[in-house]
Amino acid sequence: MSSDRDGSNRPDTHRSGRPIRRASRRGVIALGATGLLAGCLVTSEEEGSDTRQTDDGASGDGSDGGGGGSSEDGGSEGDSGSDDADESTPDEVGPDGSGLVVTDATVLRVNEGGGRTTVRARLTVENAGRFEYGVVEFRVDAYATPAGTDEREAVGFEYDTERFTGDDRFDGSRPRRFTVEITFPDDRTNVRPDPDRYAVDAAVRRAEPI
């Protein structure tokens, strides 16, 4: 009986004809380390996933920022609208912006009487601008040209205002002709009252678009 108990207490080192090896302490430690490393790798992947999600979230904010950029474009469209408003028809334009051009100024006749001389002239004016006009004002200067010289003596000037109705506004469809008279005292010149001895210059002073 004692031999049986001893036999049962001895380790069964030979079972099914194959020896059984005990795991050494070093092997157990190695297995444990492998498991820990595997856990670290899983955690890193999870952290990487979180990082990618965070980056995706940041890019989402960037797209929102792009939406803000499109709103700025909308603001620029608003600015262009204000530019269109600035291009509305003004109440008055000066000579440089009117587009009105005096293409000819011809002396028609010169009269004397009552100690005064009157020079009658005709102006030809074209509208090369972008507005149509209801009122145009000119300054017309008269000059005496003594015979045998190229000199011109300024003898007088006159302001001439021409008005146009809505049906006959001054547009660019055709040239317009206006008659102007400049009167001055006889003692300003000794030149005889002859149209060939006088000249006129004309310039636009202002214009009112319709």
C-alpha atoms as a PDB file:
ATOM      1  CA  MET A   1       0.000   0.000   0.000  1.00  0.00           C
ATOM      2  CA  SER A   2       2.796   2.409   0.803  1.00  0.00           C
ATOM      3  CA  SER A   3       4.362   1.782  -2.556  1.00  0.00           C
ATOM      4  CA  ASP A   4       1.085   2.792  -4.261  1.00  0.00           C
ATOM      5  CA  ARG A   5       0.897   6.038  -2.367  1.00  0.00           C
ATOM      6  CA  ASP A   6       4.466   6.763  -3.241  1.00  0.00           C
ATOM      7  CA  GLY A   7       3.694   6.047  -6.841  1.00  0.00           C
ATOM      8  CA  SER A   8       0.692   8.380  -6.845  1.00  0.00           C
ATOM      9  CA  ASN A   9       2.734  11.186  -5.303  1.00  0.00           C
ATOM     10  CA  ARG A  10       5.471  11.003  -7.893  1.00  0.00           C
ATOM     11  CA  PRO A  11       4.992  13.213 -10.843  1.00  0.00           C
ATOM     12  CA  ASP A  12       3.868  11.459 -13.952  1.00  0.00           C
ATOM     13  CA  THR A  13       6.778  12.472 -16.090  1.00  0.00           C
ATOM     14  CA  HIS A  14       5.922   9.987 -18.810  1.00  0.00           C
ATOM     15  CA  ARG A  15       2.312  10.194 -20.012  1.00  0.00           C
ATOM     16  CA  SER A  16       1.252   8.622 -23.303  1.00  0.00           C
ATOM     17  CA  GLY A  17       4.864   7.735 -23.928  1.00  0.00           C
ATOM     18  CA  ARG A  18       5.987  11.445 -24.269  1.00  0.00           C
ATOM     19  CA  PRO A  19       7.986  13.424 -21.769  1.00  0.00           C
ATOM     20  CA  ILE A  20       6.331  16.591 -20.362  1.00  0.00           C
ATOM     21  CA  ARG A  21       8.439  19.687 -19.931  1.00  0.00           C
ATOM     22  CA  ARG A  22       7.803  22.184 -17.234  1.00  0.00           C
ATOM     23  CA  ALA A  23       7.705  25.802 -18.195  1.00  0.00           C
ATOM     24  CA  SER A  24      10.719  27.551 -16.874  1.00  0.00           C
ATOM     25  CA  ARG A  25      10.484  30.901 -15.083  1.00  0.00           C
ATOM     26  CA  ARG A  26      12.299  32.584 -17.968  1.00  0.00           C
ATOM     27  CA  GLY A  27       9.721  31.293 -20.431  1.00  0.00           C
ATOM     28  CA  VAL A  28       6.865  32.608 -18.306  1.00  0.00           C
ATOM     29  CA  ILE A  29       8.472  36.043 -18.142  1.00  0.00           C
ATOM     30  CA  ALA A  30       8.981  36.067 -21.930  1.00  0.00           C
ATOM     31  CA  LEU A  31       5.347  35.193 -22.554  1.00  0.00           C
ATOM     32  CA  GLY A  32       4.206  37.902 -20.204  1.00  0.00           C
ATOM     33  CA  ALA A  33       6.401  40.475 -21.918  1.00  0.00           C
ATOM     34  CA  THR A  34       5.010  39.467 -25.297  1.00  0.00           C
ATOM     35  CA  GLY A  35       1.476  40.012 -24.055  1.00  0.00           C
ATOM     36  CA  LEU A  36       2.377  43.411 -22.687  1.00  0.00           C
ATOM     37  CA  LEU A  37       3.961  44.428 -25.980  1.00  0.00           C
ATOM     38  CA  ALA A  38       0.895  43.268 -27.854  1.00  0.00           C
ATOM     39  CA  GLY A  39      -1.229  45.412 -25.570  1.00  0.00           C
ATOM     40  CA  CYS A  40       1.021  48.404 -26.257  1.00  0.00           C
ATOM     41  CA  LEU A  41       0.677  47.933 -30.001  1.00  0.00           C
ATOM     42  CA  VAL A  42      -3.109  47.846 -29.769  1.00  0.00           C
ATOM     43  CA  THR A  43      -3.089  50.999 -27.688  1.00  0.00           C
ATOM     44  CA  SER A  44      -0.862  52.780 -30.210  1.00  0.00           C
ATOM     45  CA  GLU A  45      -3.236  51.903 -33.022  1.00  0.00           C
ATOM     46  CA  GLU A  46      -6.136  53.157 -30.971  1.00  0.00           C
ATOM     47  CA  GLU A  47      -4.258  56.378 -30.256  1.00  0.00           C
ATOM     48  CA  GLY A  48      -3.434  56.673 -33.953  1.00  0.00           C
ATOM     49  CA  SER A  49      -7.127  56.275 -34.757  1.00  0.00           C
ATOM     50  CA  ASP A  50      -7.951  58.996 -32.247  1.00  0.00           C
ATOM     51  CA  THR A  51      -5.296  61.188 -33.819  1.00  0.00           C
ATOM     52  CA  ARG A  52      -6.750  60.691 -37.276  1.00  0.00           C
ATOM     53  CA  GLN A  53     -10.198  61.535 -35.978  1.00  0.00           C
ATOM     54  CA  THR A  54      -8.824  64.684 -34.378  1.00  0.00           C
ATOM     55  CA  ASP A  55      -7.133  65.669 -37.638  1.00  0.00           C
ATOM     56  CA  ASP A  56     -10.372  65.030 -39.484  1.00  0.00           C
ATOM     57  CA  GLY A  57     -12.119  67.265 -37.027  1.00  0.00           C
ATOM     58  CA  ALA A  58      -9.524  69.973 -37.607  1.00  0.00           C
ATOM     59  CA  SER A  59     -10.004  69.706 -41.352  1.00  0.00           C
ATOM     60  CA  GLY A  60     -13.714  70.077 -40.764  1.00  0.00           C
ATOM     61  CA  ASP A  61     -12.973  73.351 -39.011  1.00  0.00           C
ATOM     62  CA  GLY A  62     -10.889  74.325 -42.031  1.00  0.00           C
ATOM     63  CA  SER A  63     -13.829  73.702 -44.330  1.00  0.00           C
ATOM     64  CA  ASP A  64     -15.913  75.898 -42.068  1.00  0.00           C
ATOM     65  CA  GLY A  65     -13.221  78.519 -42.481  1.00  0.00           C
ATOM     66  CA  GLY A  66     -13.594  78.120 -46.231  1.00  0.00           C
ATOM     67  CA  GLY A  67     -17.265  78.882 -45.786  1.00  0.00           C
ATOM     68  CA  GLY A  68     -16.206  82.086 -44.085  1.00  0.00           C
ATOM     69  CA  GLY A  69     -14.063  82.868 -47.117  1.00  0.00           C
ATOM     70  CA  SER A  70     -17.056  82.541 -49.408  1.00  0.00           C
ATOM     71  CA  SER A  71     -18.923  85.008 -47.217  1.00  0.00           C
ATOM     72  CA  GLU A  72     -16.063  87.456 -47.784  1.00  0.00           C
ATOM     73  CA  ASP A  73     -16.594  86.963 -51.498  1.00  0.00           C
ATOM     74  CA  GLY A  74     -20.190  87.852 -50.893  1.00  0.00           C
ATOM     75  CA  GLY A  75     -18.965  91.031 -49.240  1.00  0.00           C
ATOM     76  CA  SER A  76     -16.901  91.866 -52.309  1.00  0.00           C
ATOM     77  CA  GLU A  77     -20.034  91.433 -54.405  1.00  0.00           C
ATOM     78  CA  GLY A  78     -21.681  93.915 -52.098  1.00  0.00           C
ATOM     79  CA  ASP A  79     -18.781  96.278 -52.717  1.00  0.00           C
ATOM     80  CA  SER A  80     -19.225  95.906 -56.464  1.00  0.00           C
ATOM     81  CA  GLY A  81     -22.867  96.784 -55.935  1.00  0.00           C
ATOM     82  CA  SER A  82     -21.798  99.979 -54.219  1.00  0.00           C
ATOM     83  CA  ASP A  83     -19.511 100.670 -57.200  1.00  0.00           C
ATOM     84  CA  ASP A  84     -22.527 100.361 -59.477  1.00  0.00           C
ATOM     85  CA  ALA A  85     -24.342 102.842 -57.270  1.00  0.00           C
ATOM     86  CA  ASP A  86     -21.395 105.228 -57.561  1.00  0.00           C
ATOM     87  CA  GLU A  87     -21.718 105.082 -61.373  1.00  0.00           C
ATOM     88  CA  SER A  88     -25.262 106.479 -61.314  1.00  0.00           C
ATOM     89  CA  THR A  89     -25.988 109.634 -63.306  1.00  0.00           C
ATOM     90  CA  PRO A  90     -24.452 112.685 -61.580  1.00  0.00           C
ATOM     91  CA  ASP A  91     -26.175 116.052 -61.290  1.00  0.00           C
ATOM     92  CA  GLU A  92     -23.323 117.838 -63.068  1.00  0.00           C
ATOM     93  CA  VAL A  93     -20.037 117.028 -64.788  1.00  0.00           C
ATOM     94  CA  GLY A  94     -17.054 119.216 -65.582  1.00  0.00           C
ATOM     95  CA  PRO A  95     -15.409 119.846 -68.936  1.00  0.00           C
ATOM     96  CA  ASP A  96     -13.017 116.898 -68.707  1.00  0.00           C
ATOM     97  CA  GLY A  97     -15.681 114.320 -67.875  1.00  0.00           C
ATOM     98  CA  SER A  98     -18.489 115.556 -70.105  1.00  0.00           C
ATOM     99  CA  GLY A  99     -17.235 114.162 -73.410  1.00  0.00           C
ATOM    100  CA  LEU A 100     -18.441 117.341 -75.150  1.00  0.00           C
ATOM    101  CA  VAL A 101     -16.084 118.596 -77.858  1.00  0.00           C
ATOM    102  CA  VAL A 102     -16.245 121.932 -79.707  1.00  0.00           C
ATOM    103  CA  THR A 103     -15.219 120.908 -83.208  1.00  0.00           C
ATOM    104  CA  ASP A 104     -15.671 124.292 -84.907  1.00  0.00           C
ATOM    105  CA  ALA A 105     -16.128 127.976 -84.009  1.00  0.00           C
ATOM    106  CA  THR A 106     -16.830 130.297 -86.920  1.00  0.00           C
ATOM    107  CA  VAL A 107     -17.398 134.077 -86.925  1.00  0.00           C
ATOM    108  CA  LEU A 108     -20.545 134.811 -88.940  1.00  0.00           C
ATOM    109  CA  ARG A 109     -20.579 138.610 -88.822  1.00  0.00           C
ATOM    110  CA  VAL A 110     -19.410 141.677 -86.847  1.00  0.00           C
ATOM    111  CA  ASN A 111     -21.608 144.728 -86.210  1.00  0.00           C
ATOM    112  CA  GLU A 112     -20.864 148.152 -84.734  1.00  0.00           C
ATOM    113  CA  GLY A 113     -23.343 150.506 -83.189  1.00  0.00           C
ATOM    114  CA  GLY A 114     -23.834 152.697 -80.153  1.00  0.00           C
ATOM    115  CA  GLY A 115     -20.178 152.577 -79.258  1.00  0.00           C
ATOM    116  CA  ARG A 116     -20.204 148.816 -79.061  1.00  0.00           C
ATOM    117  CA  THR A 117     -19.137 145.967 -81.317  1.00  0.00           C
ATOM    118  CA  THR A 118     -20.968 142.641 -81.510  1.00  0.00           C
ATOM    119  CA  VAL A 119     -19.344 139.491 -82.860  1.00  0.00           C
ATOM    120  CA  ARG A 120     -21.808 136.798 -83.895  1.00  0.00           C
ATOM    121  CA  ALA A 121     -20.374 133.259 -84.043  1.00  0.00           C
ATOM    122  CA  ARG A 122     -21.547 129.693 -84.603  1.00  0.00           C
ATOM    123  CA  LEU A 123     -20.309 126.737 -82.533  1.00  0.00           C
ATOM    124  CA  THR A 124     -20.391 123.106 -83.608  1.00  0.00           C
ATOM    125  CA  VAL A 125     -20.336 120.661 -80.687  1.00  0.00           C
ATOM    126  CA  GLU A 126     -20.294 116.865 -80.550  1.00  0.00           C
ATOM    127  CA  ASN A 127     -21.146 114.623 -77.619  1.00  0.00           C
ATOM    128  CA  ALA A 128     -18.584 111.815 -77.401  1.00  0.00           C
ATOM    129  CA  GLY A 129     -19.355 111.041 -73.751  1.00  0.00           C
ATOM    130  CA  ARG A 130     -21.537 108.452 -72.048  1.00  0.00           C
ATOM    131  CA  PHE A 131     -24.228 110.832 -70.769  1.00  0.00           C
ATOM    132  CA  GLU A 132     -27.098 112.660 -72.403  1.00  0.00           C
ATOM    133  CA  TYR A 133     -27.464 116.299 -71.400  1.00  0.00           C
ATOM    134  CA  GLY A 134     -30.269 118.691 -70.608  1.00  0.00           C
ATOM    135  CA  VAL A 135     -28.090 121.741 -69.886  1.00  0.00           C
ATOM    136  CA  VAL A 136     -24.694 122.705 -71.331  1.00  0.00           C
ATOM    137  CA  GLU A 137     -22.783 125.915 -70.605  1.00  0.00           C
ATOM    138  CA  PHE A 138     -19.956 127.333 -72.749  1.00  0.00           C
ATOM    139  CA  ARG A 139     -17.512 130.174 -72.444  1.00  0.00           C
ATOM    140  CA  VAL A 140     -16.841 131.910 -75.762  1.00  0.00           C
ATOM    141  CA  ASP A 141     -13.922 134.352 -76.174  1.00  0.00           C
ATOM    142  CA  ALA A 142     -13.633 136.832 -79.053  1.00  0.00           C
ATOM    143  CA  TYR A 143     -10.340 138.079 -80.509  1.00  0.00           C
ATOM    144  CA  ALA A 144      -9.459 140.814 -82.955  1.00  0.00           C
ATOM    145  CA  THR A 145      -6.703 139.950 -85.452  1.00  0.00           C
ATOM    146  CA  PRO A 146      -5.005 143.032 -86.886  1.00  0.00           C
ATOM    147  CA  ALA A 147      -4.164 142.813 -90.580  1.00  0.00           C
ATOM    148  CA  GLY A 148      -0.618 141.814 -91.430  1.00  0.00           C
ATOM    149  CA  THR A 149       0.066 140.123 -88.076  1.00  0.00           C
ATOM    150  CA  ASP A 150      -0.531 136.798 -86.397  1.00  0.00           C
ATOM    151  CA  GLU A 151      -1.434 138.450 -83.103  1.00  0.00           C
ATOM    152  CA  ARG A 152      -4.824 138.088 -81.461  1.00  0.00           C
ATOM    153  CA  GLU A 153      -6.229 140.807 -79.223  1.00  0.00           C
ATOM    154  CA  ALA A 154      -8.696 139.587 -76.595  1.00  0.00           C
ATOM    155  CA  VAL A 155     -11.698 141.913 -76.828  1.00  0.00           C
ATOM    156  CA  GLY A 156     -14.439 140.190 -74.854  1.00  0.00           C
ATOM    157  CA  PHE A 157     -16.146 136.973 -73.802  1.00  0.00           C
ATOM    158  CA  GLU A 158     -19.595 135.650 -73.112  1.00  0.00           C
ATOM    159  CA  TYR A 159     -21.179 132.699 -71.289  1.00  0.00           C
ATOM    160  CA  ASP A 160     -23.739 130.782 -73.296  1.00  0.00           C
ATOM    161  CA  THR A 161     -26.178 128.289 -71.764  1.00  0.00           C
ATOM    162  CA  GLU A 162     -28.047 125.832 -73.971  1.00  0.00           C
ATOM    163  CA  ARG A 163     -31.033 123.853 -72.669  1.00  0.00           C
ATOM    164  CA  PHE A 164     -32.556 120.689 -74.085  1.00  0.00           C
ATOM    165  CA  THR A 165     -35.900 119.018 -73.456  1.00  0.00           C
ATOM    166  CA  GLY A 166     -36.407 115.345 -72.724  1.00  0.00           C
ATOM    167  CA  ASP A 167     -37.454 114.665 -76.318  1.00  0.00           C
ATOM    168  CA  ASP A 168     -34.486 116.584 -77.735  1.00  0.00           C
ATOM    169  CA  ARG A 169     -31.773 115.836 -75.205  1.00  0.00           C
ATOM    170  CA  PHE A 170     -28.165 116.357 -76.257  1.00  0.00           C
ATOM    171  CA  ASP A 171     -26.991 112.823 -77.003  1.00  0.00           C
ATOM    172  CA  GLY A 172     -24.298 111.492 -79.289  1.00  0.00           C
ATOM    173  CA  SER A 173     -26.521 110.873 -82.292  1.00  0.00           C
ATOM    174  CA  ARG A 174     -25.526 114.060 -84.173  1.00  0.00           C
ATOM    175  CA  PRO A 175     -23.510 117.286 -83.784  1.00  0.00           C
ATOM    176  CA  ARG A 176     -25.274 120.400 -82.469  1.00  0.00           C
ATOM    177  CA  ARG A 177     -24.820 123.997 -83.645  1.00  0.00           C
ATOM    178  CA  PHE A 178     -25.315 127.037 -81.454  1.00  0.00           C
ATOM    179  CA  THR A 179     -25.185 130.760 -82.227  1.00  0.00           C
ATOM    180  CA  VAL A 180     -23.466 133.039 -79.735  1.00  0.00           C
ATOM    181  CA  GLU A 181     -22.998 136.831 -79.587  1.00  0.00           C
ATOM    182  CA  ILE A 182     -20.119 138.602 -77.814  1.00  0.00           C
ATOM    183  CA  THR A 183     -20.491 142.357 -77.311  1.00  0.00           C
ATOM    184  CA  PHE A 184     -17.734 144.721 -76.132  1.00  0.00           C
ATOM    185  CA  PRO A 185     -16.856 148.456 -76.236  1.00  0.00           C
ATOM    186  CA  ASP A 186     -15.515 149.833 -79.523  1.00  0.00           C
ATOM    187  CA  ASP A 187     -12.414 151.284 -77.891  1.00  0.00           C
ATOM    188  CA  ARG A 188     -10.955 147.871 -77.119  1.00  0.00           C
ATOM    189  CA  THR A 189      -9.592 147.513 -80.642  1.00  0.00           C
ATOM    190  CA  ASN A 190      -8.896 149.514 -83.771  1.00  0.00           C
ATOM    191  CA  VAL A 191      -9.634 146.536 -86.004  1.00  0.00           C
ATOM    192  CA  ARG A 192     -12.466 147.203 -88.437  1.00  0.00           C
ATOM    193  CA  PRO A 193     -15.690 145.189 -88.087  1.00  0.00           C
ATOM    194  CA  ASP A 194     -14.892 142.467 -90.591  1.00  0.00           C
ATOM    195  CA  PRO A 195     -15.547 138.752 -89.905  1.00  0.00           C
ATOM    196  CA  ASP A 196     -12.153 137.924 -91.410  1.00  0.00           C
ATOM    197  CA  ARG A 197     -10.477 140.111 -88.779  1.00  0.00           C
ATOM    198  CA  TYR A 198     -12.057 138.354 -85.794  1.00  0.00           C
ATOM    199  CA  ALA A 199     -11.862 134.872 -84.274  1.00  0.00           C
ATOM    200  CA  VAL A 200     -13.548 133.043 -81.416  1.00  0.00           C
ATOM    201  CA  ASP A 201     -12.622 130.205 -79.086  1.00  0.00           C
ATOM    202  CA  ALA A 202     -15.170 128.162 -77.133  1.00  0.00           C
ATOM    203  CA  ALA A 203     -14.921 125.710 -74.253  1.00  0.00           C
ATOM    204  CA  VAL A 204     -17.398 123.703 -72.183  1.00  0.00           C
ATOM    205  CA  ARG A 205     -17.722 124.947 -68.586  1.00  0.00           C
ATOM    206  CA  ARG A 206     -20.261 122.485 -67.214  1.00  0.00           C
ATOM    207  CA  ALA A 207     -22.954 120.044 -68.287  1.00  0.00           C
ATOM    208  CA  GLU A 208     -25.974 118.555 -66.533  1.00  0.00           C
ATOM    209  CA  PRO A 209     -26.863 114.972 -67.531  1.00  0.00           C
ATOM    210  CA  ILE A 210     -30.477 113.881 -67.822  1.00  0.00           C
END
